[in-house]
Every structure is written in structure tokens, then in C-alpha cells.
Amino acid sequence: YHGKKGQSPLYLQYLNNMRDNEVLNKVIPLIGYSKDFTDFIDEIDFLFIDGDHSIEGCKFDFEEFGPKVKRGGIIAFHDYYPERKELGSTHVIEQIAIPSGDFRNIARHDSLWVGVKTV
């Protein structure tokens, strides 16, 4: 990470990427911990879970924000490795999200798992 992150601050890189991809007006960046924003967000079109990779942390993010994903909305988890059951992303996807019937797998790219909300 440190060798590839570049010279400018990560947040500035993020803003530039959003602007370059013409989606800055569609994204609301929130700086802080997910627990600080549980009451701020009502509905979500695209949820990207890539924070606390512990089972407890990932489960918290999924349980707090997963229900807010609109039907047909997208959820993505970073660091999904089927052979690593101790990772929060793997645990939540395999033990909670898919068995719930609320989400189904639509894509996987490297360690990124992507699902769609079906209900």
C-alpha cells in the first residue's frame, strides 16, 4: 500500500477519482467510523463494506447497513477469500448474507465479492 498510495492524501485522491468519473455529485463521502453514521443514512443504492475486517466489525456493518440497501441495490465486500473463514467478509457473506436469502452473488473479481439485494 505505502509504495502505491502516491504523494497526495488518500481523501484527495478519492475526490479526484470521483470527479474524474463524473460521480462526485452522486456520492456523499463520510469520514469517520460506520457506527457514527447508522442514523444518517436511510436508503442505499450501493454499499461497499471495507473497514473493520474482523467478524464482529464486518457483521456490524452488514447488520446496520445491509437492510438499508434498496431492492436491486448492490452490496460489495472487499477481502473475500473462501479459504479464509476467519475473515469478517468471508464469514458474513457465507454465514449471514447469502443464507438470509436477501442477497445473491452476481460477481467476484479477485477478492471483491459483489451481490444484489433480491428482496
PDB file of N, CA and C in Angstrom:
ATOM      1  N   TYR A   1       0.818  -1.197   0.000  1.00  0.00           N
ATOM      2  CA  TYR A   1       0.000   0.000   0.000  1.00  0.00           C
ATOM      3  C   TYR A   1       0.861   1.260   0.000  1.00  0.00           C
ATOM      4  N   HIS A   2       1.816   1.324   0.926  1.00  0.00           N
ATOM      5  CA  HIS A   2       2.619   2.541   1.052  1.00  0.00           C
ATOM      6  C   HIS A   2       3.407   2.850  -0.215  1.00  0.00           C
ATOM      7  N   GLY A   3       3.810   1.814  -0.953  1.00  0.00           N
ATOM      8  CA  GLY A   3       4.546   2.028  -2.187  1.00  0.00           C
ATOM      9  C   GLY A   3       3.687   2.497  -3.340  1.00  0.00           C
ATOM     10  N   LYS A   4       2.370   2.301  -3.250  1.00  0.00           N
ATOM     11  CA  LYS A   4       1.467   2.634  -4.360  1.00  0.00           C
ATOM     12  C   LYS A   4       0.513   3.784  -4.071  1.00  0.00           C
ATOM     13  N   LYS A   5       0.495   4.265  -2.838  1.00  0.00           N
ATOM     14  CA  LYS A   5      -0.537   5.232  -2.464  1.00  0.00           C
ATOM     15  C   LYS A   5      -0.363   6.611  -3.089  1.00  0.00           C
ATOM     16  N   GLY A   6       0.826   6.944  -3.561  1.00  0.00           N
ATOM     17  CA  GLY A   6       1.042   8.243  -4.181  1.00  0.00           C
ATOM     18  C   GLY A   6       1.404   9.303  -3.164  1.00  0.00           C
ATOM     19  N   GLN A   7       1.611  10.513  -3.672  1.00  0.00           N
ATOM     20  CA  GLN A   7       2.068  11.614  -2.819  1.00  0.00           C
ATOM     21  C   GLN A   7       0.934  12.400  -2.175  1.00  0.00           C
ATOM     22  N   SER A   8      -0.205  12.499  -2.851  1.00  0.00           N
ATOM     23  CA  SER A   8      -1.300  13.299  -2.299  1.00  0.00           C
ATOM     24  C   SER A   8      -2.103  12.481  -1.290  1.00  0.00           C
ATOM     25  N   PRO A   9      -2.766  13.150  -0.367  1.00  0.00           N
ATOM     26  CA  PRO A   9      -3.566  12.447   0.634  1.00  0.00           C
ATOM     27  C   PRO A   9      -4.632  11.560  -0.017  1.00  0.00           C
ATOM     28  N   LEU A  10      -4.918  10.428   0.605  1.00  0.00           N
ATOM     29  CA  LEU A  10      -5.861   9.450   0.063  1.00  0.00           C
ATOM     30  C   LEU A  10      -7.244  10.065  -0.184  1.00  0.00           C
ATOM     31  N   TYR A  11      -7.711  10.900   0.712  1.00  0.00           N
ATOM     32  CA  TYR A  11      -9.027  11.521   0.543  1.00  0.00           C
ATOM     33  C   TYR A  11      -9.059  12.413  -0.701  1.00  0.00           C
ATOM     34  N   LEU A  12      -7.995  13.145  -0.944  1.00  0.00           N
ATOM     35  CA  LEU A  12      -7.916  13.978  -2.136  1.00  0.00           C
ATOM     36  C   LEU A  12      -7.906  13.105  -3.398  1.00  0.00           C
ATOM     37  N   GLN A  13      -7.200  11.997  -3.358  1.00  0.00           N
ATOM     38  CA  GLN A  13      -7.210  11.060  -4.486  1.00  0.00           C
ATOM     39  C   GLN A  13      -8.626  10.540  -4.734  1.00  0.00           C
ATOM     40  N   TYR A  14      -9.314  10.219  -3.649  1.00  0.00           N
ATOM     41  CA  TYR A  14     -10.701   9.750  -3.740  1.00  0.00           C
ATOM     42  C   TYR A  14     -11.571  10.804  -4.435  1.00  0.00           C
ATOM     43  N   LEU A  15     -11.503  12.038  -3.963  1.00  0.00           N
ATOM     44  CA  LEU A  15     -12.312  13.107  -4.553  1.00  0.00           C
ATOM     45  C   LEU A  15     -11.991  13.291  -6.033  1.00  0.00           C
ATOM     46  N   ASN A  16     -10.721  13.256  -6.367  1.00  0.00           N
ATOM     47  CA  ASN A  16     -10.318  13.397  -7.768  1.00  0.00           C
ATOM     48  C   ASN A  16     -10.855  12.243  -8.612  1.00  0.00           C
ATOM     49  N   ASN A  17     -10.798  11.023  -8.093  1.00  0.00           N
ATOM     50  CA  ASN A  17     -11.327   9.865  -8.825  1.00  0.00           C
ATOM     51  C   ASN A  17     -12.829   9.995  -9.030  1.00  0.00           C
ATOM     52  N   MET A  18     -13.553  10.421  -8.012  1.00  0.00           N
ATOM     53  CA  MET A  18     -14.998  10.589  -8.135  1.00  0.00           C
ATOM     54  C   MET A  18     -15.324  11.677  -9.153  1.00  0.00           C
ATOM     55  N   ARG A  19     -14.567  12.766  -9.120  1.00  0.00           N
ATOM     56  CA  ARG A  19     -14.766  13.864 -10.083  1.00  0.00           C
ATOM     57  C   ARG A  19     -14.430  13.391 -11.495  1.00  0.00           C
ATOM     58  N   ASP A  20     -13.307  12.710 -11.668  1.00  0.00           N
ATOM     59  CA  ASP A  20     -12.891  12.220 -12.982  1.00  0.00           C
ATOM     60  C   ASP A  20     -13.911  11.245 -13.576  1.00  0.00           C
ATOM     61  N   ASN A  21     -14.584  10.488 -12.723  1.00  0.00           N
ATOM     62  CA  ASN A  21     -15.585   9.525 -13.183  1.00  0.00           C
ATOM     63  C   ASN A  21     -17.006  10.102 -13.194  1.00  0.00           C
ATOM     64  N   GLU A  22     -17.087  11.401 -12.952  1.00  0.00           N
ATOM     65  CA  GLU A  22     -18.353  12.146 -13.015  1.00  0.00           C
ATOM     66  C   GLU A  22     -19.432  11.602 -12.081  1.00  0.00           C
ATOM     67  N   VAL A  23     -19.022  11.187 -10.892  1.00  0.00           N
ATOM     68  CA  VAL A  23     -19.991  10.693  -9.911  1.00  0.00           C
ATOM     69  C   VAL A  23     -19.888  11.432  -8.572  1.00  0.00           C
ATOM     70  N   LEU A  24     -19.082  12.462  -8.516  1.00  0.00           N
ATOM     71  CA  LEU A  24     -18.904  13.181  -7.255  1.00  0.00           C
ATOM     72  C   LEU A  24     -20.222  13.741  -6.734  1.00  0.00           C
ATOM     73  N   ASN A  25     -21.125  14.146  -7.629  1.00  0.00           N
ATOM     74  CA  ASN A  25     -22.415  14.682  -7.202  1.00  0.00           C
ATOM     75  C   ASN A  25     -23.385  13.584  -6.767  1.00  0.00           C
ATOM     76  N   LYS A  26     -23.013  12.310  -6.930  1.00  0.00           N
ATOM     77  CA  LYS A  26     -23.867  11.187  -6.550  1.00  0.00           C
ATOM     78  C   LYS A  26     -23.382  10.485  -5.291  1.00  0.00           C
ATOM     79  N   VAL A  27     -22.239  10.897  -4.782  1.00  0.00           N
ATOM     80  CA  VAL A  27     -21.607  10.232  -3.651  1.00  0.00           C
ATOM     81  C   VAL A  27     -21.475  11.221  -2.502  1.00  0.00           C
ATOM     82  N   ILE A  28     -21.801  10.759  -1.304  1.00  0.00           N
ATOM     83  CA  ILE A  28     -21.624  11.591  -0.123  1.00  0.00           C
ATOM     84  C   ILE A  28     -20.516  10.958   0.718  1.00  0.00           C
ATOM     85  N   PRO A  29     -19.317  11.529   0.678  1.00  0.00           N
ATOM     86  CA  PRO A  29     -18.239  10.960   1.492  1.00  0.00           C
ATOM     87  C   PRO A  29     -18.450  11.285   2.963  1.00  0.00           C
ATOM     88  N   LEU A  30     -18.334  10.282   3.795  1.00  0.00           N
ATOM     89  CA  LEU A  30     -18.473  10.453   5.238  1.00  0.00           C
ATOM     90  C   LEU A  30     -17.179   9.969   5.881  1.00  0.00           C
ATOM     91  N   ILE A  31     -16.525  10.840   6.611  1.00  0.00           N
ATOM     92  CA  ILE A  31     -15.252  10.494   7.229  1.00  0.00           C
ATOM     93  C   ILE A  31     -15.503  10.151   8.689  1.00  0.00           C
ATOM     94  N   GLY A  32     -15.118   8.963   9.069  1.00  0.00           N
ATOM     95  CA  GLY A  32     -15.306   8.513  10.439  1.00  0.00           C
ATOM     96  C   GLY A  32     -15.565   7.026  10.466  1.00  0.00           C
ATOM     97  N   TYR A  33     -16.108   6.555  11.545  1.00  0.00           N
ATOM     98  CA  TYR A  33     -16.438   5.146  11.714  1.00  0.00           C
ATOM     99  C   TYR A  33     -17.893   4.898  11.332  1.00  0.00           C
ATOM    100  N   SER A  34     -18.160   3.734  10.793  1.00  0.00           N
ATOM    101  CA  SER A  34     -19.524   3.422  10.350  1.00  0.00           C
ATOM    102  C   SER A  34     -20.530   3.572  11.486  1.00  0.00           C
ATOM    103  N   LYS A  35     -20.129   3.252  12.704  1.00  0.00           N
ATOM    104  CA  LYS A  35     -21.036   3.355  13.849  1.00  0.00           C
ATOM    105  C   LYS A  35     -21.530   4.790  14.066  1.00  0.00           C
ATOM    106  N   ASP A  36     -20.785   5.761  13.547  1.00  0.00           N
ATOM    107  CA  ASP A  36     -21.165   7.163  13.701  1.00  0.00           C
ATOM    108  C   ASP A  36     -22.253   7.601  12.718  1.00  0.00           C
ATOM    109  N   PHE A  37     -22.575   6.740  11.735  1.00  0.00           N
ATOM    110  CA  PHE A  37     -23.486   7.149  10.676  1.00  0.00           C
ATOM    111  C   PHE A  37     -24.702   6.239  10.523  1.00  0.00           C
ATOM    112  N   THR A  38     -24.984   5.405  11.498  1.00  0.00           N
ATOM    113  CA  THR A  38     -26.095   4.459  11.364  1.00  0.00           C
ATOM    114  C   THR A  38     -27.443   5.163  11.219  1.00  0.00           C
ATOM    115  N   ASP A  39     -27.616   6.313  11.830  1.00  0.00           N
ATOM    116  CA  ASP A  39     -28.884   7.041  11.736  1.00  0.00           C
ATOM    117  C   ASP A  39     -28.878   8.099  10.642  1.00  0.00           C
ATOM    118  N   PHE A  40     -27.759   8.300   9.989  1.00  0.00           N
ATOM    119  CA  PHE A  40     -27.623   9.328   8.959  1.00  0.00           C
ATOM    120  C   PHE A  40     -28.151   8.854   7.609  1.00  0.00           C
ATOM    121  N   ILE A  41     -28.079   7.564   7.367  1.00  0.00           N
ATOM    122  CA  ILE A  41     -28.404   7.001   6.058  1.00  0.00           C
ATOM    123  C   ILE A  41     -29.700   6.198   6.147  1.00  0.00           C
ATOM    124  N   ASP A  42     -30.656   6.506   5.261  1.00  0.00           N
ATOM    125  CA  ASP A  42     -31.925   5.781   5.231  1.00  0.00           C
ATOM    126  C   ASP A  42     -31.958   4.701   4.163  1.00  0.00           C
ATOM    127  N   GLU A  43     -31.526   5.041   2.949  1.00  0.00           N
ATOM    128  CA  GLU A  43     -31.539   4.097   1.831  1.00  0.00           C
ATOM    129  C   GLU A  43     -30.199   4.128   1.116  1.00  0.00           C
ATOM    130  N   ILE A  44     -29.804   2.959   0.625  1.00  0.00           N
ATOM    131  CA  ILE A  44     -28.502   2.830  -0.033  1.00  0.00           C
ATOM    132  C   ILE A  44     -28.688   2.130  -1.376  1.00  0.00           C
ATOM    133  N   ASP A  45     -28.087   2.710  -2.411  1.00  0.00           N
ATOM    134  CA  ASP A  45     -28.076   2.085  -3.734  1.00  0.00           C
ATOM    135  C   ASP A  45     -26.897   1.126  -3.873  1.00  0.00           C
ATOM    136  N   PHE A  46     -25.752   1.523  -3.325  1.00  0.00           N
ATOM    137  CA  PHE A  46     -24.522   0.735  -3.422  1.00  0.00           C
ATOM    138  C   PHE A  46     -23.803   0.793  -2.089  1.00  0.00           C
ATOM    139  N   LEU A  47     -23.618  -0.363  -1.472  1.00  0.00           N
ATOM    140  CA  LEU A  47     -22.934  -0.455  -0.185  1.00  0.00           C
ATOM    141  C   LEU A  47     -21.619  -1.189  -0.376  1.00  0.00           C
ATOM    142  N   PHE A  48     -20.528  -0.548  -0.001  1.00  0.00           N
ATOM    143  CA  PHE A  48     -19.203  -1.149  -0.093  1.00  0.00           C
ATOM    144  C   PHE A  48     -18.671  -1.333   1.319  1.00  0.00           C
ATOM    145  N   ILE A  49     -18.511  -2.575   1.736  1.00  0.00           N
ATOM    146  CA  ILE A  49     -18.024  -2.875   3.078  1.00  0.00           C
ATOM    147  C   ILE A  49     -16.541  -3.217   2.994  1.00  0.00           C
ATOM    148  N   ASP A  50     -15.728  -2.327   3.553  1.00  0.00           N
ATOM    149  CA  ASP A  50     -14.275  -2.495   3.526  1.00  0.00           C
ATOM    150  C   ASP A  50     -13.672  -1.692   4.671  1.00  0.00           C
ATOM    151  N   GLY A  51     -14.027  -2.049   5.863  1.00  0.00           N
ATOM    152  CA  GLY A  51     -13.497  -1.333   7.019  1.00  0.00           C
ATOM    153  C   GLY A  51     -12.855  -2.309   7.972  1.00  0.00           C
ATOM    154  N   ASP A  52     -13.478  -2.472   9.101  1.00  0.00           N
ATOM    155  CA  ASP A  52     -13.031  -3.418  10.116  1.00  0.00           C
ATOM    156  C   ASP A  52     -13.248  -4.826   9.553  1.00  0.00           C
ATOM    157  N   HIS A  53     -12.173  -5.569   9.351  1.00  0.00           N
ATOM    158  CA  HIS A  53     -12.256  -6.891   8.727  1.00  0.00           C
ATOM    159  C   HIS A  53     -12.469  -8.023   9.737  1.00  0.00           C
ATOM    160  N   SER A  54     -12.665  -7.661  11.003  1.00  0.00           N
ATOM    161  CA  SER A  54     -12.972  -8.704  11.984  1.00  0.00           C
ATOM    162  C   SER A  54     -14.389  -9.202  11.726  1.00  0.00           C
ATOM    163  N   ILE A  55     -14.705 -10.377  12.236  1.00  0.00           N
ATOM    164  CA  ILE A  55     -16.061 -10.897  12.084  1.00  0.00           C
ATOM    165  C   ILE A  55     -17.062  -9.944  12.736  1.00  0.00           C
ATOM    166  N   GLU A  56     -16.750  -9.468  13.939  1.00  0.00           N
ATOM    167  CA  GLU A  56     -17.659  -8.583  14.656  1.00  0.00           C
ATOM    168  C   GLU A  56     -17.863  -7.269  13.901  1.00  0.00           C
ATOM    169  N   GLY A  57     -16.771  -6.676  13.404  1.00  0.00           N
ATOM    170  CA  GLY A  57     -16.857  -5.412  12.695  1.00  0.00           C
ATOM    171  C   GLY A  57     -17.618  -5.527  11.388  1.00  0.00           C
ATOM    172  N   CYS A  58     -17.321  -6.559  10.627  1.00  0.00           N
ATOM    173  CA  CYS A  58     -17.993  -6.768   9.346  1.00  0.00           C
ATOM    174  C   CYS A  58     -19.471  -7.096   9.566  1.00  0.00           C
ATOM    175  N   LYS A  59     -19.749  -7.883  10.580  1.00  0.00           N
ATOM    176  CA  LYS A  59     -21.133  -8.231  10.909  1.00  0.00           C
ATOM    177  C   LYS A  59     -21.915  -6.976  11.310  1.00  0.00           C
ATOM    178  N   PHE A  60     -21.290  -6.111  12.091  1.00  0.00           N
ATOM    179  CA  PHE A  60     -21.935  -4.856  12.482  1.00  0.00           C
ATOM    180  C   PHE A  60     -22.296  -4.040  11.246  1.00  0.00           C
ATOM    181  N   ASP A  61     -21.337  -3.854  10.340  1.00  0.00           N
ATOM    182  CA  ASP A  61     -21.590  -3.062   9.143  1.00  0.00           C
ATOM    183  C   ASP A  61     -22.714  -3.672   8.304  1.00  0.00           C
ATOM    184  N   PHE A  62     -22.687  -4.988   8.145  1.00  0.00           N
ATOM    185  CA  PHE A  62     -23.719  -5.644   7.351  1.00  0.00           C
ATOM    186  C   PHE A  62     -25.087  -5.531   8.019  1.00  0.00           C
ATOM    187  N   GLU A  63     -25.156  -5.785   9.314  1.00  0.00           N
ATOM    188  CA  GLU A  63     -26.437  -5.757  10.008  1.00  0.00           C
ATOM    189  C   GLU A  63     -27.016  -4.349  10.110  1.00  0.00           C
ATOM    190  N   GLU A  64     -26.163  -3.343  10.211  1.00  0.00           N
ATOM    191  CA  GLU A  64     -26.642  -1.961  10.309  1.00  0.00           C
ATOM    192  C   GLU A  64     -27.019  -1.373   8.946  1.00  0.00           C
ATOM    193  N   PHE A  65     -26.225  -1.685   7.917  1.00  0.00           N
ATOM    194  CA  PHE A  65     -26.416  -1.029   6.632  1.00  0.00           C
ATOM    195  C   PHE A  65     -27.024  -1.927   5.557  1.00  0.00           C
ATOM    196  N   GLY A  66     -26.855  -3.238   5.660  1.00  0.00           N
ATOM    197  CA  GLY A  66     -27.437  -4.159   4.683  1.00  0.00           C
ATOM    198  C   GLY A  66     -28.933  -3.996   4.513  1.00  0.00           C
ATOM    199  N   PRO A  67     -29.701  -3.887   5.602  1.00  0.00           N
ATOM    200  CA  PRO A  67     -31.151  -3.702   5.457  1.00  0.00           C
ATOM    201  C   PRO A  67     -31.540  -2.400   4.751  1.00  0.00           C
ATOM    202  N   LYS A  68     -30.622  -1.445   4.697  1.00  0.00           N
ATOM    203  CA  LYS A  68     -30.905  -0.164   4.058  1.00  0.00           C
ATOM    204  C   LYS A  68     -30.656  -0.189   2.548  1.00  0.00           C
ATOM    205  N   VAL A  69     -30.048  -1.270   2.057  1.00  0.00           N
ATOM    206  CA  VAL A  69     -29.825  -1.392   0.614  1.00  0.00           C
ATOM    207  C   VAL A  69     -31.171  -1.618  -0.056  1.00  0.00           C
ATOM    208  N   LYS A  70     -31.451  -0.837  -1.088  1.00  0.00           N
ATOM    209  CA  LYS A  70     -32.709  -0.955  -1.820  1.00  0.00           C
ATOM    210  C   LYS A  70     -32.778  -2.290  -2.558  1.00  0.00           C
ATOM    211  N   ARG A  71     -33.982  -2.768  -2.794  1.00  0.00           N
ATOM    212  CA  ARG A  71     -34.162  -3.968  -3.616  1.00  0.00           C
ATOM    213  C   ARG A  71     -33.556  -3.687  -4.989  1.00  0.00           C
ATOM    214  N   GLY A  72     -32.709  -4.583  -5.454  1.00  0.00           N
ATOM    215  CA  GLY A  72     -31.987  -4.369  -6.701  1.00  0.00           C
ATOM    216  C   GLY A  72     -30.699  -3.613  -6.510  1.00  0.00           C
ATOM    217  N   GLY A  73     -30.452  -3.149  -5.280  1.00  0.00           N
ATOM    218  CA  GLY A  73     -29.216  -2.439  -4.969  1.00  0.00           C
ATOM    219  C   GLY A  73     -28.046  -3.400  -4.861  1.00  0.00           C
ATOM    220  N   ILE A  74     -26.873  -2.845  -4.873  1.00  0.00           N
ATOM    221  CA  ILE A  74     -25.640  -3.630  -4.893  1.00  0.00           C
ATOM    222  C   ILE A  74     -24.931  -3.540  -3.548  1.00  0.00           C
ATOM    223  N   ILE A  75     -24.372  -4.674  -3.131  1.00  0.00           N
ATOM    224  CA  ILE A  75     -23.518  -4.729  -1.954  1.00  0.00           C
ATOM    225  C   ILE A  75     -22.197  -5.361  -2.381  1.00  0.00           C
ATOM    226  N   ALA A  76     -21.101  -4.798  -1.924  1.00  0.00           N
ATOM    227  CA  ALA A  76     -19.783  -5.343  -2.250  1.00  0.00           C
ATOM    228  C   ALA A  76     -18.961  -5.450  -0.968  1.00  0.00           C
ATOM    229  N   PHE A  77     -18.244  -6.526  -0.860  1.00  0.00           N
ATOM    230  CA  PHE A  77     -17.342  -6.758   0.270  1.00  0.00           C
ATOM    231  C   PHE A  77     -15.929  -6.890  -0.272  1.00  0.00           C
ATOM    232  N   HIS A  78     -14.990  -6.207   0.345  1.00  0.00           N
ATOM    233  CA  HIS A  78     -13.590  -6.361  -0.013  1.00  0.00           C
ATOM    234  C   HIS A  78     -12.965  -7.446   0.872  1.00  0.00           C
ATOM    235  N   ASP A  79     -11.996  -8.102   0.326  1.00  0.00           N
ATOM    236  CA  ASP A  79     -11.238  -9.157   1.021  1.00  0.00           C
ATOM    237  C   ASP A  79     -12.073 -10.389   1.322  1.00  0.00           C
ATOM    238  N   TYR A  80     -12.773 -10.875   0.307  1.00  0.00           N
ATOM    239  CA  TYR A  80     -13.482 -12.155   0.405  1.00  0.00           C
ATOM    240  C   TYR A  80     -12.553 -13.249  -0.106  1.00  0.00           C
ATOM    241  N   TYR A  81     -12.216 -14.172   0.780  1.00  0.00           N
ATOM    242  CA  TYR A  81     -11.379 -15.319   0.444  1.00  0.00           C
ATOM    243  C   TYR A  81     -12.064 -16.567   1.004  1.00  0.00           C
ATOM    244  N   PRO A  82     -12.680 -17.402   0.144  1.00  0.00           N
ATOM    245  CA  PRO A  82     -13.415 -18.577   0.626  1.00  0.00           C
ATOM    246  C   PRO A  82     -12.590 -19.512   1.505  1.00  0.00           C
ATOM    247  N   GLU A  83     -11.294 -19.535   1.303  1.00  0.00           N
ATOM    248  CA  GLU A  83     -10.434 -20.416   2.109  1.00  0.00           C
ATOM    249  C   GLU A  83     -10.073 -19.811   3.467  1.00  0.00           C
ATOM    250  N   ARG A  84     -10.438 -18.559   3.719  1.00  0.00           N
ATOM    251  CA  ARG A  84     -10.107 -17.891   4.984  1.00  0.00           C
ATOM    252  C   ARG A  84     -11.374 -17.580   5.759  1.00  0.00           C
ATOM    253  N   LYS A  85     -11.868 -18.583   6.454  1.00  0.00           N
ATOM    254  CA  LYS A  85     -13.139 -18.468   7.182  1.00  0.00           C
ATOM    255  C   LYS A  85     -13.064 -17.510   8.368  1.00  0.00           C
ATOM    256  N   GLU A  86     -11.852 -17.152   8.802  1.00  0.00           N
ATOM    257  CA  GLU A  86     -11.705 -16.262   9.955  1.00  0.00           C
ATOM    258  C   GLU A  86     -11.873 -14.791   9.589  1.00  0.00           C
ATOM    259  N   LEU A  87     -11.896 -14.482   8.298  1.00  0.00           N
ATOM    260  CA  LEU A  87     -12.067 -13.092   7.871  1.00  0.00           C
ATOM    261  C   LEU A  87     -13.531 -12.668   7.972  1.00  0.00           C
ATOM    262  N   GLY A  88     -13.749 -11.461   8.415  1.00  0.00           N
ATOM    263  CA  GLY A  88     -15.109 -10.955   8.569  1.00  0.00           C
ATOM    264  C   GLY A  88     -15.908 -10.993   7.289  1.00  0.00           C
ATOM    265  N   SER A  89     -15.305 -10.566   6.191  1.00  0.00           N
ATOM    266  CA  SER A  89     -16.034 -10.556   4.914  1.00  0.00           C
ATOM    267  C   SER A  89     -16.482 -11.960   4.529  1.00  0.00           C
ATOM    268  N   THR A  90     -15.573 -12.917   4.589  1.00  0.00           N
ATOM    269  CA  THR A  90     -15.903 -14.300   4.225  1.00  0.00           C
ATOM    270  C   THR A  90     -17.001 -14.837   5.128  1.00  0.00           C
ATOM    271  N   HIS A  91     -16.856 -14.629   6.424  1.00  0.00           N
ATOM    272  CA  HIS A  91     -17.847 -15.123   7.385  1.00  0.00           C
ATOM    273  C   HIS A  91     -19.231 -14.530   7.110  1.00  0.00           C
ATOM    274  N   VAL A  92     -19.301 -13.208   6.957  1.00  0.00           N
ATOM    275  CA  VAL A  92     -20.602 -12.555   6.783  1.00  0.00           C
ATOM    276  C   VAL A  92     -21.256 -12.974   5.471  1.00  0.00           C
ATOM    277  N   ILE A  93     -20.485 -13.038   4.402  1.00  0.00           N
ATOM    278  CA  ILE A  93     -21.048 -13.441   3.104  1.00  0.00           C
ATOM    279  C   ILE A  93     -21.594 -14.857   3.182  1.00  0.00           C
ATOM    280  N   GLU A  94     -20.776 -15.785   3.680  1.00  0.00           N
ATOM    281  CA  GLU A  94     -21.141 -17.201   3.652  1.00  0.00           C
ATOM    282  C   GLU A  94     -22.110 -17.618   4.756  1.00  0.00           C
ATOM    283  N   GLN A  95     -22.040 -16.967   5.910  1.00  0.00           N
ATOM    284  CA  GLN A  95     -22.852 -17.398   7.049  1.00  0.00           C
ATOM    285  C   GLN A  95     -24.094 -16.540   7.298  1.00  0.00           C
ATOM    286  N   ILE A  96     -24.104 -15.329   6.751  1.00  0.00           N
ATOM    287  CA  ILE A  96     -25.228 -14.437   7.049  1.00  0.00           C
ATOM    288  C   ILE A  96     -25.909 -13.911   5.774  1.00  0.00           C
ATOM    289  N   ALA A  97     -25.155 -13.247   4.907  1.00  0.00           N
ATOM    290  CA  ALA A  97     -25.769 -12.569   3.750  1.00  0.00           C
ATOM    291  C   ALA A  97     -26.446 -13.542   2.790  1.00  0.00           C
ATOM    292  N   ILE A  98     -25.719 -14.518   2.302  1.00  0.00           N
ATOM    293  CA  ILE A  98     -26.311 -15.464   1.347  1.00  0.00           C
ATOM    294  C   ILE A  98     -27.392 -16.327   2.001  1.00  0.00           C
ATOM    295  N   PRO A  99     -27.147 -16.911   3.193  1.00  0.00           N
ATOM    296  CA  PRO A  99     -28.209 -17.716   3.809  1.00  0.00           C
ATOM    297  C   PRO A  99     -29.486 -16.935   4.129  1.00  0.00           C
ATOM    298  N   SER A 100     -29.382 -15.616   4.291  1.00  0.00           N
ATOM    299  CA  SER A 100     -30.574 -14.818   4.590  1.00  0.00           C
ATOM    300  C   SER A 100     -31.564 -14.823   3.432  1.00  0.00           C
ATOM    301  N   GLY A 101     -31.069 -15.072   2.221  1.00  0.00           N
ATOM    302  CA  GLY A 101     -31.924 -15.012   1.048  1.00  0.00           C
ATOM    303  C   GLY A 101     -32.159 -13.599   0.553  1.00  0.00           C
ATOM    304  N   ASP A 102     -31.620 -12.602   1.258  1.00  0.00           N
ATOM    305  CA  ASP A 102     -31.802 -11.208   0.866  1.00  0.00           C
ATOM    306  C   ASP A 102     -30.828 -10.773  -0.227  1.00  0.00           C
ATOM    307  N   PHE A 103     -29.706 -11.476  -0.336  1.00  0.00           N
ATOM    308  CA  PHE A 103     -28.670 -11.116  -1.300  1.00  0.00           C
ATOM    309  C   PHE A 103     -28.228 -12.357  -2.062  1.00  0.00           C
ATOM    310  N   ARG A 104     -27.893 -12.160  -3.331  1.00  0.00           N
ATOM    311  CA  ARG A 104     -27.309 -13.255  -4.096  1.00  0.00           C
ATOM    312  C   ARG A 104     -26.074 -12.756  -4.822  1.00  0.00           C
ATOM    313  N   ASN A 105     -25.142 -13.651  -5.003  1.00  0.00           N
ATOM    314  CA  ASN A 105     -23.890 -13.349  -5.672  1.00  0.00           C
ATOM    315  C   ASN A 105     -24.140 -12.995  -7.137  1.00  0.00           C
ATOM    316  N   ILE A 106     -23.500 -11.930  -7.607  1.00  0.00           N
ATOM    317  CA  ILE A 106     -23.576 -11.611  -9.035  1.00  0.00           C
ATOM    318  C   ILE A 106     -22.196 -11.519  -9.682  1.00  0.00           C
ATOM    319  N   ALA A 107     -21.144 -11.329  -8.870  1.00  0.00           N
ATOM    320  CA  ALA A 107     -19.809 -11.218  -9.454  1.00  0.00           C
ATOM    321  C   ALA A 107     -18.745 -11.375  -8.376  1.00  0.00           C
ATOM    322  N   ARG A 108     -17.575 -11.747  -8.848  1.00  0.00           N
ATOM    323  CA  ARG A 108     -16.398 -11.775  -7.986  1.00  0.00           C
ATOM    324  C   ARG A 108     -15.204 -11.403  -8.842  1.00  0.00           C
ATOM    325  N   HIS A 109     -14.428 -10.450  -8.359  1.00  0.00           N
ATOM    326  CA  HIS A 109     -13.207 -10.039  -9.041  1.00  0.00           C
ATOM    327  C   HIS A 109     -12.098  -9.992  -8.006  1.00  0.00           C
ATOM    328  N   ASP A 110     -11.127 -10.888  -8.165  1.00  0.00           N
ATOM    329  CA  ASP A 110     -10.080 -11.034  -7.173  1.00  0.00           C
ATOM    330  C   ASP A 110     -10.727 -11.257  -5.797  1.00  0.00           C
ATOM    331  N   SER A 111     -10.487 -10.352  -4.846  1.00  0.00           N
ATOM    332  CA  SER A 111     -11.065 -10.529  -3.512  1.00  0.00           C
ATOM    333  C   SER A 111     -12.341  -9.713  -3.308  1.00  0.00           C
ATOM    334  N   LEU A 112     -12.885  -9.138  -4.373  1.00  0.00           N
ATOM    335  CA  LEU A 112     -14.106  -8.355  -4.277  1.00  0.00           C
ATOM    336  C   LEU A 112     -15.312  -9.239  -4.592  1.00  0.00           C
ATOM    337  N   TRP A 113     -16.209  -9.367  -3.621  1.00  0.00           N
ATOM    338  CA  TRP A 113     -17.453 -10.120  -3.802  1.00  0.00           C
ATOM    339  C   TRP A 113     -18.573  -9.116  -3.987  1.00  0.00           C
ATOM    340  N   VAL A 114     -19.417  -9.323  -4.988  1.00  0.00           N
ATOM    341  CA  VAL A 114     -20.493  -8.382  -5.281  1.00  0.00           C
ATOM    342  C   VAL A 114     -21.813  -9.139  -5.310  1.00  0.00           C
ATOM    343  N   GLY A 115     -22.808  -8.593  -4.627  1.00  0.00           N
ATOM    344  CA  GLY A 115     -24.124  -9.202  -4.595  1.00  0.00           C
ATOM    345  C   GLY A 115     -25.206  -8.177  -4.887  1.00  0.00           C
ATOM    346  N   VAL A 116     -26.395  -8.683  -5.153  1.00  0.00           N
ATOM    347  CA  VAL A 116     -27.555  -7.822  -5.391  1.00  0.00           C
ATOM    348  C   VAL A 116     -28.619  -8.162  -4.353  1.00  0.00           C
ATOM    349  N   LYS A 117     -29.327  -7.141  -3.887  1.00  0.00           N
ATOM    350  CA  LYS A 117     -30.410  -7.376  -2.933  1.00  0.00           C
ATOM    351  C   LYS A 117     -31.633  -7.845  -3.692  1.00  0.00           C
ATOM    352  N   THR A 118     -32.179  -8.959  -3.283  1.00  0.00           N
ATOM    353  CA  THR A 118     -33.272  -9.590  -4.016  1.00  0.00           C
ATOM    354  C   THR A 118     -34.644  -9.357  -3.396  1.00  0.00           C
ATOM    355  N   VAL A 119     -34.692  -8.881  -2.161  1.00  0.00           N
ATOM    356  CA  VAL A 119     -35.993  -8.672  -1.505  1.00  0.00           C
ATOM    357  C   VAL A 119     -36.152  -7.216  -1.099  1.00  0.00           C
TER     358      VAL A 119
END
